[in-house]
PDB file of N, CA and C in Angstrom:
ATOM      1  N   UNK A   1      82.997  12.979  79.748  1.00  0.00           N
ATOM      2  CA  UNK A   1      81.964  12.248  80.439  1.00  0.00           C
ATOM      3  C   UNK A   1      81.059  13.240  81.156  1.00  0.00           C
ATOM      4  N   UNK A   2      79.747  12.972  81.116  1.00  0.00           N
ATOM      5  CA  UNK A   2      78.814  13.879  81.767  1.00  0.00           C
ATOM      6  C   UNK A   2      77.692  13.075  82.401  1.00  0.00           C
ATOM      7  N   UNK A   3      76.833  13.767  83.079  1.00  0.00           N
ATOM      8  CA  UNK A   3      75.662  13.165  83.699  1.00  0.00           C
ATOM      9  C   UNK A   3      74.467  14.050  83.428  1.00  0.00           C
ATOM     10  N   UNK A   4      73.287  13.531  83.677  1.00  0.00           N
ATOM     11  CA  UNK A   4      72.067  14.306  83.575  1.00  0.00           C
ATOM     12  C   UNK A   4      71.431  14.373  84.951  1.00  0.00           C
ATOM     13  N   UNK A   5      71.124  15.571  85.374  1.00  0.00           N
ATOM     14  CA  UNK A   5      70.360  15.769  86.596  1.00  0.00           C
ATOM     15  C   UNK A   5      68.927  16.049  86.171  1.00  0.00           C
ATOM     16  N   UNK A   6      67.992  15.378  86.806  1.00  0.00           N
ATOM     17  CA  UNK A   6      66.580  15.583  86.511  1.00  0.00           C
ATOM     18  C   UNK A   6      65.935  16.157  87.763  1.00  0.00           C
ATOM     19  N   UNK A   7      65.311  17.299  87.599  1.00  0.00           N
ATOM     20  CA  UNK A   7      64.648  17.975  88.711  1.00  0.00           C
ATOM     21  C   UNK A   7      63.151  17.939  88.479  1.00  0.00           C
ATOM     22  N   UNK A   8      62.407  17.524  89.496  1.00  0.00           N
ATOM     23  CA  UNK A   8      60.955  17.576  89.440  1.00  0.00           C
ATOM     24  C   UNK A   8      60.440  18.036  90.795  1.00  0.00           C
ATOM     25  N   UNK A   9      59.301  18.689  90.798  1.00  0.00           N
ATOM     26  CA  UNK A   9      58.649  19.082  92.042  1.00  0.00           C
ATOM     27  C   UNK A   9      57.479  18.146  92.286  1.00  0.00           C
ATOM     28  N   UNK A  10      57.283  17.760  93.535  1.00  0.00           N
ATOM     29  CA  UNK A  10      56.247  16.818  93.926  1.00  0.00           C
ATOM     30  C   UNK A  10      55.301  17.486  94.927  1.00  0.00           C
ATOM     31  N   UNK A  11      54.071  16.983  95.029  1.00  0.00           N
ATOM     32  CA  UNK A  11      53.120  17.612  95.934  1.00  0.00           C
ATOM     33  C   UNK A  11      53.445  17.397  97.410  1.00  0.00           C
ATOM     34  N   UNK A  12      54.202  16.329  97.725  1.00  0.00           N
ATOM     35  CA  UNK A  12      54.527  16.054  99.123  1.00  0.00           C
ATOM     36  C   UNK A  12      55.715  15.096  99.197  1.00  0.00           C
ATOM     37  N   UNK A  13      56.189  14.851 100.419  1.00  0.00           N
ATOM     38  CA  UNK A  13      57.354  13.988 100.612  1.00  0.00           C
ATOM     39  C   UNK A  13      57.074  12.553 100.186  1.00  0.00           C
ATOM     40  N   UNK A  14      55.862  12.073 100.417  1.00  0.00           N
ATOM     41  CA  UNK A  14      55.529  10.691 100.054  1.00  0.00           C
ATOM     42  C   UNK A  14      55.642  10.473  98.541  1.00  0.00           C
ATOM     43  N   UNK A  15      55.147  11.408  97.769  1.00  0.00           N
ATOM     44  CA  UNK A  15      55.248  11.299  96.309  1.00  0.00           C
ATOM     45  C   UNK A  15      56.706  11.362  95.867  1.00  0.00           C
ATOM     46  N   UNK A  16      57.476  12.278  96.447  1.00  0.00           N
ATOM     47  CA  UNK A  16      58.900  12.392  96.101  1.00  0.00           C
ATOM     48  C   UNK A  16      59.632  11.102  96.444  1.00  0.00           C
ATOM     49  N   UNK A  17      59.348  10.537  97.609  1.00  0.00           N
ATOM     50  CA  UNK A  17      60.010   9.299  98.023  1.00  0.00           C
ATOM     51  C   UNK A  17      59.628   8.130  97.116  1.00  0.00           C
ATOM     52  N   UNK A  18      58.382   8.067  96.698  1.00  0.00           N
ATOM     53  CA  UNK A  18      57.945   6.981  95.816  1.00  0.00           C
ATOM     54  C   UNK A  18      58.631   7.066  94.459  1.00  0.00           C
ATOM     55  N   UNK A  19      58.744   8.269  93.921  1.00  0.00           N
ATOM     56  CA  UNK A  19      59.435   8.465  92.640  1.00  0.00           C
ATOM     57  C   UNK A  19      60.905   8.114  92.785  1.00  0.00           C
ATOM     58  N   UNK A  20      61.533   8.613  93.848  1.00  0.00           N
ATOM     59  CA  UNK A  20      62.955   8.339  94.078  1.00  0.00           C
ATOM     60  C   UNK A  20      63.204   6.840  94.190  1.00  0.00           C
ATOM     61  N   UNK A  21      62.408   6.162  95.000  1.00  0.00           N
ATOM     62  CA  UNK A  21      62.594   4.726  95.185  1.00  0.00           C
ATOM     63  C   UNK A  21      62.365   3.963  93.889  1.00  0.00           C
ATOM     64  N   UNK A  22      61.355   4.357  93.132  1.00  0.00           N
ATOM     65  CA  UNK A  22      61.082   3.686  91.862  1.00  0.00           C
ATOM     66  C   UNK A  22      62.246   3.781  90.895  1.00  0.00           C
ATOM     67  N   UNK A  23      62.833   4.961  90.787  1.00  0.00           N
ATOM     68  CA  UNK A  23      63.945   5.137  89.852  1.00  0.00           C
ATOM     69  C   UNK A  23      65.228   4.474  90.349  1.00  0.00           C
ATOM     70  N   UNK A  24      65.458   4.506  91.651  1.00  0.00           N
ATOM     71  CA  UNK A  24      66.651   3.850  92.195  1.00  0.00           C
ATOM     72  C   UNK A  24      66.541   2.336  92.011  1.00  0.00           C
ATOM     73  N   UNK A  25      65.382   1.761  92.353  1.00  0.00           N
ATOM     74  CA  UNK A  25      65.210   0.309  92.231  1.00  0.00           C
ATOM     75  C   UNK A  25      65.291  -0.161  90.777  1.00  0.00           C
ATOM     76  N   UNK A  26      64.826   0.671  89.849  1.00  0.00           N
ATOM     77  CA  UNK A  26      64.890   0.334  88.421  1.00  0.00           C
ATOM     78  C   UNK A  26      66.263   0.619  87.819  1.00  0.00           C
ATOM     79  N   UNK A  27      67.177   1.138  88.620  1.00  0.00           N
ATOM     80  CA  UNK A  27      68.528   1.506  88.167  1.00  0.00           C
ATOM     81  C   UNK A  27      68.500   2.578  87.086  1.00  0.00           C
ATOM     82  N   UNK A  28      67.469   3.429  87.127  1.00  0.00           N
ATOM     83  CA  UNK A  28      67.387   4.555  86.192  1.00  0.00           C
ATOM     84  C   UNK A  28      68.006   5.811  86.786  1.00  0.00           C
ATOM     85  N   UNK A  29      68.303   5.785  88.065  1.00  0.00           N
ATOM     86  CA  UNK A  29      69.004   6.879  88.736  1.00  0.00           C
ATOM     87  C   UNK A  29      69.947   6.262  89.755  1.00  0.00           C
ATOM     88  N   UNK A  30      71.098   6.882  89.923  1.00  0.00           N
ATOM     89  CA  UNK A  30      72.069   6.412  90.902  1.00  0.00           C
ATOM     90  C   UNK A  30      71.821   7.037  92.264  1.00  0.00           C
ATOM     91  N   UNK A  31      71.205   8.204  92.262  1.00  0.00           N
ATOM     92  CA  UNK A  31      71.055   8.967  93.488  1.00  0.00           C
ATOM     93  C   UNK A  31      69.828   9.854  93.384  1.00  0.00           C
ATOM     94  N   UNK A  32      69.160  10.036  94.506  1.00  0.00           N
ATOM     95  CA  UNK A  32      68.022  10.949  94.566  1.00  0.00           C
ATOM     96  C   UNK A  32      68.176  11.831  95.800  1.00  0.00           C
ATOM     97  N   UNK A  33      67.944  13.113  95.617  1.00  0.00           N
ATOM     98  CA  UNK A  33      67.998  14.058  96.735  1.00  0.00           C
ATOM     99  C   UNK A  33      66.641  14.731  96.873  1.00  0.00           C
ATOM    100  N   UNK A  34      66.017  14.548  98.036  1.00  0.00           N
ATOM    101  CA  UNK A  34      64.746  15.214  98.318  1.00  0.00           C
ATOM    102  C   UNK A  34      65.062  16.447  99.160  1.00  0.00           C
ATOM    103  N   UNK A  35      64.588  17.589  98.685  1.00  0.00           N
ATOM    104  CA  UNK A  35      64.864  18.848  99.371  1.00  0.00           C
ATOM    105  C   UNK A  35      63.680  19.268 100.231  1.00  0.00           C
ATOM    106  N   UNK A  36      63.919  20.241 101.073  1.00  0.00           N
ATOM    107  CA  UNK A  36      62.871  20.780 101.942  1.00  0.00           C
ATOM    108  C   UNK A  36      61.765  21.401 101.088  1.00  0.00           C
ATOM    109  N   UNK A  37      60.550  21.406 101.588  1.00  0.00           N
ATOM    110  CA  UNK A  37      59.441  21.992 100.831  1.00  0.00           C
ATOM    111  C   UNK A  37      59.703  23.451 100.448  1.00  0.00           C
ATOM    112  N   UNK A  38      59.176  23.797  99.291  1.00  0.00           N
ATOM    113  CA  UNK A  38      59.266  25.159  98.773  1.00  0.00           C
ATOM    114  C   UNK A  38      57.850  25.658  98.513  1.00  0.00           C
ATOM    115  N   UNK A  39      57.714  26.927  98.276  1.00  0.00           N
ATOM    116  CA  UNK A  39      56.425  27.512  97.903  1.00  0.00           C
ATOM    117  C   UNK A  39      56.481  27.807  96.418  1.00  0.00           C
ATOM    118  N   UNK A  40      55.533  27.298  95.651  1.00  0.00           N
ATOM    119  CA  UNK A  40      55.494  27.517  94.207  1.00  0.00           C
ATOM    120  C   UNK A  40      54.276  28.350  93.842  1.00  0.00           C
ATOM    121  N   UNK A  41      54.475  29.283  92.945  1.00  0.00           N
ATOM    122  CA  UNK A  41      53.418  30.154  92.436  1.00  0.00           C
ATOM    123  C   UNK A  41      53.407  29.995  90.923  1.00  0.00           C
ATOM    124  N   UNK A  42      52.245  29.652  90.343  1.00  0.00           N
ATOM    125  CA  UNK A  42      52.212  29.362  88.917  1.00  0.00           C
ATOM    126  C   UNK A  42      50.790  29.484  88.374  1.00  0.00           C
ATOM    127  N   UNK A  43      50.701  29.626  87.048  1.00  0.00           N
ATOM    128  CA  UNK A  43      49.409  29.599  86.360  1.00  0.00           C
ATOM    129  C   UNK A  43      49.006  28.148  86.144  1.00  0.00           C
ATOM    130  N   UNK A  44      47.754  27.817  86.425  1.00  0.00           N
ATOM    131  CA  UNK A  44      47.267  26.471  86.173  1.00  0.00           C
ATOM    132  C   UNK A  44      45.772  26.523  85.899  1.00  0.00           C
ATOM    133  N   UNK A  45      45.385  26.064  84.737  1.00  0.00           N
ATOM    134  CA  UNK A  45      43.998  25.974  84.321  1.00  0.00           C
ATOM    135  C   UNK A  45      43.246  27.293  84.504  1.00  0.00           C
ATOM    136  N   UNK A  46      43.881  28.367  84.024  1.00  0.00           N
ATOM    137  CA  UNK A  46      43.240  29.676  84.006  1.00  0.00           C
ATOM    138  C   UNK A  46      43.284  30.451  85.306  1.00  0.00           C
ATOM    139  N   UNK A  47      43.972  29.945  86.295  1.00  0.00           N
ATOM    140  CA  UNK A  47      44.058  30.644  87.579  1.00  0.00           C
ATOM    141  C   UNK A  47      45.503  30.630  88.068  1.00  0.00           C
ATOM    142  N   UNK A  48      45.776  31.474  89.037  1.00  0.00           N
ATOM    143  CA  UNK A  48      47.087  31.479  89.673  1.00  0.00           C
ATOM    144  C   UNK A  48      46.998  30.580  90.908  1.00  0.00           C
ATOM    145  N   UNK A  49      47.882  29.615  90.973  1.00  0.00           N
ATOM    146  CA  UNK A  49      47.916  28.676  92.093  1.00  0.00           C
ATOM    147  C   UNK A  49      49.144  28.945  92.947  1.00  0.00           C
ATOM    148  N   UNK A  50      49.028  28.670  94.205  1.00  0.00           N
ATOM    149  CA  UNK A  50      50.148  28.800  95.135  1.00  0.00           C
ATOM    150  C   UNK A  50      50.109  27.572  96.037  1.00  0.00           C
ATOM    151  N   UNK A  51      51.147  26.741  95.930  1.00  0.00           N
ATOM    152  CA  UNK A  51      51.166  25.456  96.633  1.00  0.00           C
ATOM    153  C   UNK A  51      52.543  25.192  97.231  1.00  0.00           C
ATOM    154  N   UNK A  52      52.566  24.357  98.231  1.00  0.00           N
ATOM    155  CA  UNK A  52      53.810  23.830  98.760  1.00  0.00           C
ATOM    156  C   UNK A  52      54.199  22.636  97.901  1.00  0.00           C
ATOM    157  N   UNK A  53      55.480  22.536  97.533  1.00  0.00           N
ATOM    158  CA  UNK A  53      55.978  21.417  96.744  1.00  0.00           C
ATOM    159  C   UNK A  53      57.310  20.948  97.315  1.00  0.00           C
ATOM    160  N   UNK A  54      57.652  19.706  97.009  1.00  0.00           N
ATOM    161  CA  UNK A  54      58.907  19.106  97.461  1.00  0.00           C
ATOM    162  C   UNK A  54      59.783  18.845  96.243  1.00  0.00           C
ATOM    163  N   UNK A  55      60.914  19.544  96.112  1.00  0.00           N
ATOM    164  CA  UNK A  55      61.812  19.314  94.980  1.00  0.00           C
ATOM    165  C   UNK A  55      62.556  17.983  95.117  1.00  0.00           C
ATOM    166  N   UNK A  56      62.714  17.300  93.986  1.00  0.00           N
ATOM    167  CA  UNK A  56      63.428  16.038  93.941  1.00  0.00           C
ATOM    168  C   UNK A  56      64.449  16.115  92.812  1.00  0.00           C
ATOM    169  N   UNK A  57      65.702  15.827  93.134  1.00  0.00           N
ATOM    170  CA  UNK A  57      66.792  15.841  92.160  1.00  0.00           C
ATOM    171  C   UNK A  57      67.294  14.412  91.983  1.00  0.00           C
ATOM    172  N   UNK A  58      67.319  13.955  90.733  1.00  0.00           N
ATOM    173  CA  UNK A  58      67.756  12.606  90.405  1.00  0.00           C
ATOM    174  C   UNK A  58      68.979  12.685  89.498  1.00  0.00           C
ATOM    175  N   UNK A  59      69.968  11.833  89.755  1.00  0.00           N
ATOM    176  CA  UNK A  59      71.192  11.845  88.962  1.00  0.00           C
ATOM    177  C   UNK A  59      71.284  10.557  88.164  1.00  0.00           C
ATOM    178  N   UNK A  60      71.512  10.710  86.833  1.00  0.00           N
ATOM    179  CA  UNK A  60      71.545   9.549  85.957  1.00  0.00           C
ATOM    180  C   UNK A  60      72.509   9.770  84.804  1.00  0.00           C
ATOM    181  N   UNK A  61      72.603   8.754  83.938  1.00  0.00           N
ATOM    182  CA  UNK A  61      73.397   8.864  82.717  1.00  0.00           C
ATOM    183  C   UNK A  61      72.531   9.500  81.630  1.00  0.00           C
ATOM    184  N   UNK A  62      73.123  10.291  80.743  1.00  0.00           N
ATOM    185  CA  UNK A  62      72.338  10.933  79.682  1.00  0.00           C
ATOM    186  C   UNK A  62      71.524   9.943  78.847  1.00  0.00           C
ATOM    187  N   UNK A  63      72.079   8.773  78.585  1.00  0.00           N
ATOM    188  CA  UNK A  63      71.373   7.808  77.738  1.00  0.00           C
ATOM    189  C   UNK A  63      70.175   7.159  78.439  1.00  0.00           C
ATOM    190  N   UNK A  64      70.031   7.376  79.745  1.00  0.00           N
ATOM    191  CA  UNK A  64      68.872   6.859  80.481  1.00  0.00           C
ATOM    192  C   UNK A  64      67.802   7.922  80.730  1.00  0.00           C
ATOM    193  N   UNK A  65      68.047   9.145  80.311  1.00  0.00           N
ATOM    194  CA  UNK A  65      67.142  10.253  80.641  1.00  0.00           C
ATOM    195  C   UNK A  65      65.723  10.041  80.104  1.00  0.00           C
ATOM    196  N   UNK A  66      65.583   9.527  78.883  1.00  0.00           N
ATOM    197  CA  UNK A  66      64.236   9.295  78.338  1.00  0.00           C
ATOM    198  C   UNK A  66      63.478   8.256  79.161  1.00  0.00           C
ATOM    199  N   UNK A  67      64.146   7.163  79.502  1.00  0.00           N
ATOM    200  CA  UNK A  67      63.503   6.120  80.307  1.00  0.00           C
ATOM    201  C   UNK A  67      63.186   6.622  81.711  1.00  0.00           C
ATOM    202  N   UNK A  68      64.104   7.412  82.279  1.00  0.00           N
ATOM    203  CA  UNK A  68      63.864   7.984  83.609  1.00  0.00           C
ATOM    204  C   UNK A  68      62.653   8.913  83.566  1.00  0.00           C
ATOM    205  N   UNK A  69      62.566   9.731  82.534  1.00  0.00           N
ATOM    206  CA  UNK A  69      61.420  10.633  82.402  1.00  0.00           C
ATOM    207  C   UNK A  69      60.116   9.847  82.279  1.00  0.00           C
ATOM    208  N   UNK A  70      60.113   8.788  81.506  1.00  0.00           N
ATOM    209  CA  UNK A  70      58.904   7.975  81.355  1.00  0.00           C
ATOM    210  C   UNK A  70      58.478   7.384  82.702  1.00  0.00           C
ATOM    211  N   UNK A  71      59.436   6.950  83.491  1.00  0.00           N
ATOM    212  CA  UNK A  71      59.116   6.381  84.802  1.00  0.00           C
ATOM    213  C   UNK A  71      58.621   7.463  85.764  1.00  0.00           C
ATOM    214  N   UNK A  72      59.214   8.650  85.699  1.00  0.00           N
ATOM    215  CA  UNK A  72      58.720   9.755  86.525  1.00  0.00           C
ATOM    216  C   UNK A  72      57.275  10.053  86.162  1.00  0.00           C
ATOM    217  N   UNK A  73      56.982  10.131  84.874  1.00  0.00           N
ATOM    218  CA  UNK A  73      55.593  10.392  84.434  1.00  0.00           C
ATOM    219  C   UNK A  73      54.640   9.316  84.938  1.00  0.00           C
ATOM    220  N   UNK A  74      55.083   8.071  84.918  1.00  0.00           N
ATOM    221  CA  UNK A  74      54.240   6.965  85.367  1.00  0.00           C
ATOM    222  C   UNK A  74      53.950   7.062  86.871  1.00  0.00           C
ATOM    223  N   UNK A  75      54.942   7.463  87.648  1.00  0.00           N
ATOM    224  CA  UNK A  75      54.822   7.494  89.107  1.00  0.00           C
ATOM    225  C   UNK A  75      54.289   8.820  89.660  1.00  0.00           C
ATOM    226  N   UNK A  76      54.403   9.887  88.890  1.00  0.00           N
ATOM    227  CA  UNK A  76      54.082  11.229  89.389  1.00  0.00           C
ATOM    228  C   UNK A  76      52.570  11.444  89.453  1.00  0.00           C
ATOM    229  N   UNK A  77      52.075  12.030  90.548  1.00  0.00           N
ATOM    230  CA  UNK A  77      50.631  12.265  90.654  1.00  0.00           C
ATOM    231  C   UNK A  77      50.116  13.459  89.848  1.00  0.00           C
ATOM    232  N   UNK A  78      50.987  14.332  89.377  1.00  0.00           N
ATOM    233  CA  UNK A  78      50.535  15.504  88.620  1.00  0.00           C
ATOM    234  C   UNK A  78      50.129  15.119  87.198  1.00  0.00           C
ATOM    235  N   UNK A  79      49.136  15.825  86.651  1.00  0.00           N
ATOM    236  CA  UNK A  79      48.760  15.658  85.245  1.00  0.00           C
ATOM    237  C   UNK A  79      49.883  16.119  84.324  1.00  0.00           C
ATOM    238  N   UNK A  80      50.580  17.161  84.739  1.00  0.00           N
ATOM    239  CA  UNK A  80      51.655  17.753  83.941  1.00  0.00           C
ATOM    240  C   UNK A  80      52.874  17.962  84.843  1.00  0.00           C
ATOM    241  N   UNK A  81      53.611  16.887  85.144  1.00  0.00           N
ATOM    242  CA  UNK A  81      54.742  17.043  86.065  1.00  0.00           C
ATOM    243  C   UNK A  81      55.879  17.846  85.441  1.00  0.00           C
ATOM    244  N   UNK A  82      56.500  18.715  86.231  1.00  0.00           N
ATOM    245  CA  UNK A  82      57.678  19.407  85.717  1.00  0.00           C
ATOM    246  C   UNK A  82      58.864  18.447  85.739  1.00  0.00           C
ATOM    247  N   UNK A  83      59.469  18.236  84.595  1.00  0.00           N
ATOM    248  CA  UNK A  83      60.631  17.350  84.500  1.00  0.00           C
ATOM    249  C   UNK A  83      61.712  18.124  83.764  1.00  0.00           C
ATOM    250  N   UNK A  84      62.671  18.606  84.501  1.00  0.00           N
ATOM    251  CA  UNK A  84      63.742  19.435  83.946  1.00  0.00           C
ATOM    252  C   UNK A  84      65.018  18.614  83.862  1.00  0.00           C
ATOM    253  N   UNK A  85      65.584  18.539  82.669  1.00  0.00           N
ATOM    254  CA  UNK A  85      66.853  17.840  82.467  1.00  0.00           C
ATOM    255  C   UNK A  85      67.974  18.867  82.421  1.00  0.00           C
ATOM    256  N   UNK A  86      69.009  18.587  83.192  1.00  0.00           N
ATOM    257  CA  UNK A  86      70.144  19.506  83.251  1.00  0.00           C
ATOM    258  C   UNK A  86      71.412  18.699  82.970  1.00  0.00           C
ATOM    259  N   UNK A  87      72.074  19.011  81.856  1.00  0.00           N
ATOM    260  CA  UNK A  87      73.345  18.349  81.530  1.00  0.00           C
ATOM    261  C   UNK A  87      74.417  18.921  82.444  1.00  0.00           C
ATOM    262  N   UNK A  88      75.180  18.033  83.066  1.00  0.00           N
ATOM    263  CA  UNK A  88      76.190  18.470  84.028  1.00  0.00           C
ATOM    264  C   UNK A  88      77.477  17.694  83.844  1.00  0.00           C
ATOM    265  N   UNK A  89      78.555  18.313  84.248  1.00  0.00           N
ATOM    266  CA  UNK A  89      79.834  17.630  84.338  1.00  0.00           C
ATOM    267  C   UNK A  89      80.127  17.407  85.813  1.00  0.00           C
ATOM    268  N   UNK A  90      80.905  16.378  86.099  1.00  0.00           N
ATOM    269  CA  UNK A  90      81.254  16.072  87.483  1.00  0.00           C
ATOM    270  C   UNK A  90      82.620  15.405  87.505  1.00  0.00           C
ATOM    271  N   UNK A  91      83.135  15.184  88.705  1.00  0.00           N
ATOM    272  CA  UNK A  91      84.419  14.518  88.847  1.00  0.00           C
ATOM    273  C   UNK A  91      84.311  13.075  88.351  1.00  0.00           C
ATOM    274  N   UNK A  92      85.406  12.578  87.831  1.00  0.00           N
ATOM    275  CA  UNK A  92      85.436  11.286  87.153  1.00  0.00           C
ATOM    276  C   UNK A  92      84.990  10.136  88.047  1.00  0.00           C
ATOM    277  N   UNK A  93      85.421  10.120  89.312  1.00  0.00           N
ATOM    278  CA  UNK A  93      85.043   8.993  90.164  1.00  0.00           C
ATOM    279  C   UNK A  93      83.548   9.005  90.485  1.00  0.00           C
ATOM    280  N   UNK A  94      82.942  10.186  90.597  1.00  0.00           N
ATOM    281  CA  UNK A  94      81.494  10.268  90.809  1.00  0.00           C
ATOM    282  C   UNK A  94      80.754   9.781  89.567  1.00  0.00           C
ATOM    283  N   UNK A  95      81.218  10.174  88.398  1.00  0.00           N
ATOM    284  CA  UNK A  95      80.596   9.713  87.149  1.00  0.00           C
ATOM    285  C   UNK A  95      80.736   8.205  86.985  1.00  0.00           C
ATOM    286  N   UNK A  96      81.879   7.654  87.382  1.00  0.00           N
ATOM    287  CA  UNK A  96      82.061   6.205  87.343  1.00  0.00           C
ATOM    288  C   UNK A  96      81.053   5.519  88.263  1.00  0.00           C
ATOM    289  N   UNK A  97      80.809   6.105  89.432  1.00  0.00           N
ATOM    290  CA  UNK A  97      79.837   5.559  90.377  1.00  0.00           C
ATOM    291  C   UNK A  97      78.442   5.595  89.790  1.00  0.00           C
ATOM    292  N   UNK A  98      78.061   6.718  89.164  1.00  0.00           N
ATOM    293  CA  UNK A  98      76.742   6.814  88.533  1.00  0.00           C
ATOM    294  C   UNK A  98      76.590   5.735  87.470  1.00  0.00           C
ATOM    295  N   UNK A  99      77.603   5.570  86.645  1.00  0.00           N
ATOM    296  CA  UNK A  99      77.562   4.556  85.586  1.00  0.00           C
ATOM    297  C   UNK A  99      77.397   3.165  86.193  1.00  0.00           C
ATOM    298  N   UNK A 100      78.155   2.859  87.239  1.00  0.00           N
ATOM    299  CA  UNK A 100      78.073   1.540  87.874  1.00  0.00           C
ATOM    300  C   UNK A 100      76.696   1.294  88.491  1.00  0.00           C
ATOM    301  N   UNK A 101      76.151   2.294  89.130  1.00  0.00           N
ATOM    302  CA  UNK A 101      74.867   2.125  89.819  1.00  0.00           C
ATOM    303  C   UNK A 101      73.673   2.101  88.876  1.00  0.00           C
ATOM    304  N   UNK A 102      73.845   2.573  87.667  1.00  0.00           N
ATOM    305  CA  UNK A 102      72.732   2.569  86.710  1.00  0.00           C
ATOM    306  C   UNK A 102      72.938   1.538  85.605  1.00  0.00           C
ATOM    307  N   UNK A 103      73.865   0.644  85.824  1.00  0.00           N
ATOM    308  CA  UNK A 103      74.120  -0.440  84.870  1.00  0.00           C
ATOM    309  C   UNK A 103      73.581  -1.723  85.469  1.00  0.00           C
ATOM    310  N   UNK A 104      72.258  -1.852  85.471  1.00  0.00           N
ATOM    311  CA  UNK A 104      71.617  -2.987  86.127  1.00  0.00           C
ATOM    312  C   UNK A 104      71.617  -4.191  85.282  1.00  0.00           C
TER     313      UNK A 104
END
């Protein structure tokens, strides 16, 4: 049994909270963790950008990852949101909880 962690960076706490709430209410994620702001440095549209971003980690079942990604894209304010899927293993009771919370 495994889970999928989805990591995305958001422009601010409000955007991260809106994405988290949307996925939790839709039962596409069992849990969302919003982290403290980070500084991101990246190439964007021919220039180097440096911005503050808020990381958001969402925990779901692997079979819901495509739907979760589609919902993140719908809710995310970025034109090209970073959506990283990470396959993970976890303790059985936590995985059972994820399954229960995402079985709407």
